[in-house]
Amino acid sequence: MKQIKFIGSCLDDLRNFPDEARRATGFELRAVQNGLEPTDWKPMNVIGTGVKEIRIRVLGEWRIIYVAKYQDIVFVLHAFQKKTRKTSRQDIDLARRRYRQIGGNL
């Protein structure tokens, strides 16, 4: 099982999700740790190679941006509530900065 490393304020942000959304997130991240795909996800190549977004639809829209292409670790780059149809530039830029922080290349 891969280790999870939360970058920046991700863990605190995730702790602010409603309980049901937080539980669903934990279930999805456990799948990723075990080398499986989340139930509902999409690639986020605009942020970087191998970056994916988990979509949680419980009591609103919640997103977890992560990268799991490394041998033994999953990096969670960003966790947030999505309030518009399109992911905001601010959320993409923050995830991109954190991706670079872990040594990722676009």
N, C-alpha and C. Protein backbone atom coordinates (compact mmCIF):
# COMPACT_ATOMS: atom_id res chain seq x y z
N MET A 1 0.84 -1.18 0.00
CA MET A 1 0.00 0.00 0.00
C MET A 1 0.89 1.24 0.00
N LYS A 2 0.52 2.19 -0.86
CA LYS A 2 1.28 3.44 -0.95
C LYS A 2 0.97 4.35 0.23
N GLN A 3 1.94 5.12 0.63
CA GLN A 3 1.79 6.13 1.67
C GLN A 3 1.11 7.35 1.05
N ILE A 4 0.36 8.11 1.84
CA ILE A 4 -0.25 9.36 1.37
C ILE A 4 0.48 10.52 2.01
N LYS A 5 0.82 11.52 1.19
CA LYS A 5 1.45 12.75 1.69
C LYS A 5 0.58 13.92 1.23
N PHE A 6 0.12 14.69 2.20
CA PHE A 6 -0.70 15.86 1.91
C PHE A 6 0.22 17.07 1.79
N ILE A 7 0.11 17.80 0.69
CA ILE A 7 0.96 18.96 0.42
C ILE A 7 0.21 20.23 0.84
N GLY A 8 0.94 21.13 1.48
CA GLY A 8 0.35 22.41 1.89
C GLY A 8 -0.78 22.21 2.89
N SER A 9 -1.89 22.88 2.67
CA SER A 9 -3.02 22.85 3.60
C SER A 9 -4.05 21.78 3.26
N CYS A 10 -3.70 20.83 2.39
CA CYS A 10 -4.67 19.83 1.92
C CYS A 10 -5.35 19.07 3.04
N LEU A 11 -4.61 18.61 4.01
CA LEU A 11 -5.20 17.82 5.09
C LEU A 11 -6.19 18.66 5.89
N ASP A 12 -5.83 19.89 6.21
CA ASP A 12 -6.75 20.78 6.93
C ASP A 12 -7.98 21.08 6.07
N ASP A 13 -7.77 21.30 4.78
CA ASP A 13 -8.90 21.56 3.88
C ASP A 13 -9.84 20.36 3.84
N LEU A 14 -9.27 19.18 3.77
CA LEU A 14 -10.06 17.95 3.74
C LEU A 14 -10.83 17.76 5.05
N ARG A 15 -10.22 18.10 6.15
CA ARG A 15 -10.90 17.99 7.45
C ARG A 15 -12.10 18.92 7.55
N ASN A 16 -12.15 19.94 6.71
CA ASN A 16 -13.29 20.87 6.71
C ASN A 16 -14.43 20.41 5.82
N PHE A 17 -14.25 19.30 5.09
CA PHE A 17 -15.35 18.74 4.30
C PHE A 17 -16.43 18.24 5.27
N PRO A 18 -17.69 18.19 4.84
CA PRO A 18 -18.72 17.55 5.68
C PRO A 18 -18.35 16.08 5.93
N ASP A 19 -18.84 15.53 7.03
CA ASP A 19 -18.47 14.16 7.41
C ASP A 19 -18.67 13.15 6.28
N GLU A 20 -19.80 13.18 5.61
CA GLU A 20 -20.08 12.20 4.55
C GLU A 20 -19.11 12.35 3.38
N ALA A 21 -18.80 13.57 3.01
CA ALA A 21 -17.85 13.81 1.91
C ALA A 21 -16.44 13.38 2.33
N ARG A 22 -16.11 13.60 3.59
CA ARG A 22 -14.80 13.19 4.10
C ARG A 22 -14.67 11.67 4.10
N ARG A 23 -15.74 10.97 4.49
CA ARG A 23 -15.72 9.50 4.46
C ARG A 23 -15.57 8.99 3.04
N ALA A 24 -16.30 9.58 2.11
CA ALA A 24 -16.20 9.17 0.70
C ALA A 24 -14.79 9.42 0.18
N THR A 25 -14.20 10.52 0.56
CA THR A 25 -12.83 10.84 0.16
C THR A 25 -11.86 9.80 0.69
N GLY A 26 -12.02 9.42 1.95
CA GLY A 26 -11.16 8.40 2.55
C GLY A 26 -11.25 7.08 1.81
N PHE A 27 -12.46 6.69 1.43
CA PHE A 27 -12.67 5.46 0.68
C PHE A 27 -11.94 5.52 -0.66
N GLU A 28 -12.08 6.64 -1.35
CA GLU A 28 -11.45 6.80 -2.67
C GLU A 28 -9.92 6.84 -2.56
N LEU A 29 -9.40 7.55 -1.57
CA LEU A 29 -7.95 7.61 -1.40
C LEU A 29 -7.38 6.24 -1.02
N ARG A 30 -8.13 5.45 -0.26
CA ARG A 30 -7.69 4.09 0.09
C ARG A 30 -7.56 3.25 -1.18
N ALA A 31 -8.51 3.39 -2.09
CA ALA A 31 -8.43 2.66 -3.36
C ALA A 31 -7.15 3.06 -4.12
N VAL A 32 -6.87 4.35 -4.17
CA VAL A 32 -5.68 4.84 -4.86
C VAL A 32 -4.42 4.29 -4.19
N GLN A 33 -4.40 4.25 -2.87
CA GLN A 33 -3.25 3.70 -2.15
C GLN A 33 -2.99 2.25 -2.53
N ASN A 34 -4.07 1.54 -2.84
CA ASN A 34 -3.96 0.12 -3.19
C ASN A 34 -3.78 -0.11 -4.69
N GLY A 35 -3.52 0.96 -5.44
CA GLY A 35 -3.25 0.83 -6.86
C GLY A 35 -4.48 0.77 -7.74
N LEU A 36 -5.65 1.06 -7.19
CA LEU A 36 -6.89 1.04 -7.94
C LEU A 36 -7.28 2.45 -8.37
N GLU A 37 -8.22 2.54 -9.29
CA GLU A 37 -8.73 3.84 -9.73
C GLU A 37 -9.89 4.25 -8.82
N PRO A 38 -10.05 5.54 -8.57
CA PRO A 38 -11.22 5.99 -7.81
C PRO A 38 -12.50 5.72 -8.61
N THR A 39 -13.62 5.77 -7.95
CA THR A 39 -14.91 5.52 -8.60
C THR A 39 -15.22 6.57 -9.66
N ASP A 40 -14.99 7.82 -9.36
CA ASP A 40 -15.30 8.93 -10.27
C ASP A 40 -14.10 9.87 -10.31
N TRP A 41 -13.43 9.93 -11.45
CA TRP A 41 -12.22 10.75 -11.56
C TRP A 41 -12.05 11.22 -13.00
N LYS A 42 -11.13 12.17 -13.16
CA LYS A 42 -10.75 12.60 -14.51
C LYS A 42 -9.29 13.03 -14.47
N PRO A 43 -8.60 12.91 -15.60
CA PRO A 43 -7.20 13.36 -15.65
C PRO A 43 -7.14 14.89 -15.60
N MET A 44 -6.07 15.40 -15.00
CA MET A 44 -5.87 16.85 -14.90
C MET A 44 -4.49 17.17 -15.48
N ASN A 45 -4.30 16.83 -16.74
CA ASN A 45 -3.01 17.04 -17.39
C ASN A 45 -2.63 18.51 -17.48
N VAL A 46 -3.60 19.41 -17.35
CA VAL A 46 -3.31 20.83 -17.36
C VAL A 46 -2.45 21.21 -16.14
N ILE A 47 -2.52 20.40 -15.10
CA ILE A 47 -1.71 20.63 -13.90
C ILE A 47 -0.35 19.96 -14.04
N GLY A 48 -0.35 18.73 -14.56
CA GLY A 48 0.91 18.01 -14.73
C GLY A 48 0.67 16.57 -15.13
N THR A 49 1.72 15.92 -15.56
CA THR A 49 1.66 14.53 -16.00
C THR A 49 1.27 13.62 -14.84
N GLY A 50 0.26 12.80 -15.05
CA GLY A 50 -0.17 11.84 -14.05
C GLY A 50 -1.08 12.39 -12.98
N VAL A 51 -1.45 13.67 -13.06
CA VAL A 51 -2.32 14.27 -12.05
C VAL A 51 -3.78 13.93 -12.38
N LYS A 52 -4.51 13.56 -11.33
CA LYS A 52 -5.92 13.20 -11.49
C LYS A 52 -6.76 13.93 -10.45
N GLU A 53 -8.05 14.00 -10.74
CA GLU A 53 -8.99 14.66 -9.84
C GLU A 53 -10.06 13.65 -9.45
N ILE A 54 -10.23 13.44 -8.14
CA ILE A 54 -11.33 12.62 -7.64
C ILE A 54 -12.53 13.54 -7.47
N ARG A 55 -13.68 13.08 -7.97
CA ARG A 55 -14.91 13.86 -7.86
C ARG A 55 -15.82 13.21 -6.82
N ILE A 56 -16.14 13.97 -5.79
CA ILE A 56 -17.03 13.52 -4.73
C ILE A 56 -18.32 14.33 -4.84
N ARG A 57 -19.43 13.64 -4.94
CA ARG A 57 -20.72 14.32 -5.07
C ARG A 57 -21.61 13.94 -3.89
N VAL A 58 -21.27 14.47 -2.73
CA VAL A 58 -22.01 14.23 -1.50
C VAL A 58 -22.17 15.58 -0.80
N LEU A 59 -23.40 16.01 -0.61
CA LEU A 59 -23.66 17.30 0.03
C LEU A 59 -22.91 18.43 -0.68
N GLY A 60 -22.92 18.41 -1.99
CA GLY A 60 -22.21 19.40 -2.79
C GLY A 60 -21.19 18.71 -3.67
N GLU A 61 -20.35 19.50 -4.27
CA GLU A 61 -19.29 18.99 -5.15
C GLU A 61 -17.95 19.23 -4.49
N TRP A 62 -17.17 18.17 -4.31
CA TRP A 62 -15.87 18.23 -3.65
C TRP A 62 -14.84 17.61 -4.56
N ARG A 63 -13.63 18.13 -4.55
CA ARG A 63 -12.58 17.64 -5.43
C ARG A 63 -11.28 17.42 -4.66
N ILE A 64 -10.59 16.36 -5.05
CA ILE A 64 -9.27 16.06 -4.51
C ILE A 64 -8.35 15.87 -5.70
N ILE A 65 -7.34 16.69 -5.81
CA ILE A 65 -6.38 16.59 -6.89
C ILE A 65 -5.14 15.89 -6.34
N TYR A 66 -4.73 14.83 -7.03
CA TYR A 66 -3.62 14.03 -6.51
C TYR A 66 -2.77 13.49 -7.66
N VAL A 67 -1.60 12.98 -7.31
CA VAL A 67 -0.74 12.29 -8.27
C VAL A 67 -0.23 11.02 -7.59
N ALA A 68 -0.39 9.89 -8.30
CA ALA A 68 -0.02 8.58 -7.72
C ALA A 68 0.93 7.82 -8.63
N LYS A 69 1.63 8.52 -9.50
CA LYS A 69 2.50 7.85 -10.47
C LYS A 69 3.82 7.37 -9.86
N TYR A 70 4.08 7.75 -8.64
CA TYR A 70 5.32 7.36 -7.99
C TYR A 70 5.19 5.97 -7.36
N GLN A 71 6.30 5.29 -7.20
CA GLN A 71 6.33 3.90 -6.75
C GLN A 71 5.60 3.66 -5.42
N ASP A 72 5.87 4.49 -4.42
CA ASP A 72 5.38 4.17 -3.08
C ASP A 72 4.67 5.31 -2.37
N ILE A 73 4.24 6.33 -3.12
CA ILE A 73 3.60 7.47 -2.47
C ILE A 73 2.53 8.10 -3.36
N VAL A 74 1.48 8.57 -2.70
CA VAL A 74 0.42 9.33 -3.35
C VAL A 74 0.50 10.74 -2.77
N PHE A 75 0.66 11.72 -3.63
CA PHE A 75 0.68 13.11 -3.20
C PHE A 75 -0.69 13.72 -3.42
N VAL A 76 -1.30 14.23 -2.36
CA VAL A 76 -2.56 14.98 -2.48
C VAL A 76 -2.17 16.44 -2.60
N LEU A 77 -2.49 17.02 -3.75
CA LEU A 77 -2.06 18.38 -4.07
C LEU A 77 -3.06 19.45 -3.65
N HIS A 78 -4.36 19.10 -3.69
CA HIS A 78 -5.37 20.11 -3.39
C HIS A 78 -6.68 19.41 -3.05
N ALA A 79 -7.42 19.95 -2.09
CA ALA A 79 -8.74 19.46 -1.71
C ALA A 79 -9.64 20.69 -1.54
N PHE A 80 -10.77 20.70 -2.24
CA PHE A 80 -11.60 21.91 -2.23
C PHE A 80 -13.04 21.60 -2.60
N GLN A 81 -13.92 22.55 -2.31
CA GLN A 81 -15.30 22.47 -2.75
C GLN A 81 -15.41 23.17 -4.09
N LYS A 82 -16.03 22.50 -5.02
CA LYS A 82 -16.20 23.08 -6.35
C LYS A 82 -17.57 23.74 -6.39
N LYS A 83 -17.59 25.02 -6.73
CA LYS A 83 -18.84 25.77 -6.69
C LYS A 83 -19.31 26.21 -8.07
N THR A 84 -18.48 26.03 -9.08
CA THR A 84 -18.86 26.39 -10.45
C THR A 84 -18.64 25.18 -11.36
N ARG A 85 -19.17 25.27 -12.55
CA ARG A 85 -19.06 24.16 -13.50
C ARG A 85 -17.60 23.87 -13.88
N LYS A 86 -16.83 24.91 -14.05
CA LYS A 86 -15.43 24.78 -14.45
C LYS A 86 -14.53 24.99 -13.24
N THR A 87 -13.46 24.18 -13.14
CA THR A 87 -12.50 24.35 -12.05
C THR A 87 -11.84 25.72 -12.18
N SER A 88 -11.81 26.46 -11.09
CA SER A 88 -11.30 27.83 -11.15
C SER A 88 -9.80 27.86 -11.45
N ARG A 89 -9.37 28.93 -12.06
CA ARG A 89 -7.95 29.15 -12.37
C ARG A 89 -7.14 29.15 -11.08
N GLN A 90 -7.69 29.70 -10.01
CA GLN A 90 -7.00 29.76 -8.73
C GLN A 90 -6.73 28.34 -8.21
N ASP A 91 -7.70 27.45 -8.30
CA ASP A 91 -7.51 26.07 -7.84
C ASP A 91 -6.49 25.33 -8.70
N ILE A 92 -6.54 25.54 -9.99
CA ILE A 92 -5.57 24.90 -10.91
C ILE A 92 -4.16 25.42 -10.63
N ASP A 93 -4.03 26.73 -10.47
CA ASP A 93 -2.70 27.31 -10.21
C ASP A 93 -2.11 26.82 -8.89
N LEU A 94 -2.94 26.72 -7.86
CA LEU A 94 -2.46 26.23 -6.57
C LEU A 94 -1.98 24.78 -6.69
N ALA A 95 -2.76 23.94 -7.35
CA ALA A 95 -2.36 22.54 -7.54
C ALA A 95 -1.08 22.45 -8.38
N ARG A 96 -0.97 23.29 -9.37
CA ARG A 96 0.23 23.30 -10.23
C ARG A 96 1.48 23.70 -9.43
N ARG A 97 1.34 24.71 -8.58
CA ARG A 97 2.48 25.11 -7.73
C ARG A 97 2.89 23.97 -6.80
N ARG A 98 1.92 23.30 -6.23
CA ARG A 98 2.23 22.18 -5.33
C ARG A 98 2.83 21.00 -6.09
N TYR A 99 2.40 20.80 -7.31
CA TYR A 99 2.97 19.74 -8.16
C TYR A 99 4.46 20.03 -8.42
N ARG A 100 4.76 21.27 -8.72
CA ARG A 100 6.16 21.65 -8.93
C ARG A 100 6.97 21.50 -7.63
N GLN A 101 6.33 21.78 -6.51
CA GLN A 101 6.97 21.69 -5.21
C GLN A 101 7.45 20.26 -4.92
N ILE A 102 6.72 19.25 -5.41
CA ILE A 102 7.14 17.85 -5.20
C ILE A 102 8.09 17.37 -6.30
N GLY A 103 8.44 18.27 -7.21
CA GLY A 103 9.39 17.92 -8.26
C GLY A 103 8.74 17.48 -9.56
N GLY A 104 7.43 17.71 -9.68
CA GLY A 104 6.72 17.34 -10.91
C GLY A 104 6.99 18.33 -12.02
N ASN A 105 6.95 17.83 -13.24
CA ASN A 105 7.13 18.67 -14.42
C ASN A 105 5.86 18.68 -15.24
N LEU A 106 5.57 19.81 -15.85
CA LEU A 106 4.42 19.90 -16.74
C LEU A 106 4.74 19.11 -17.98
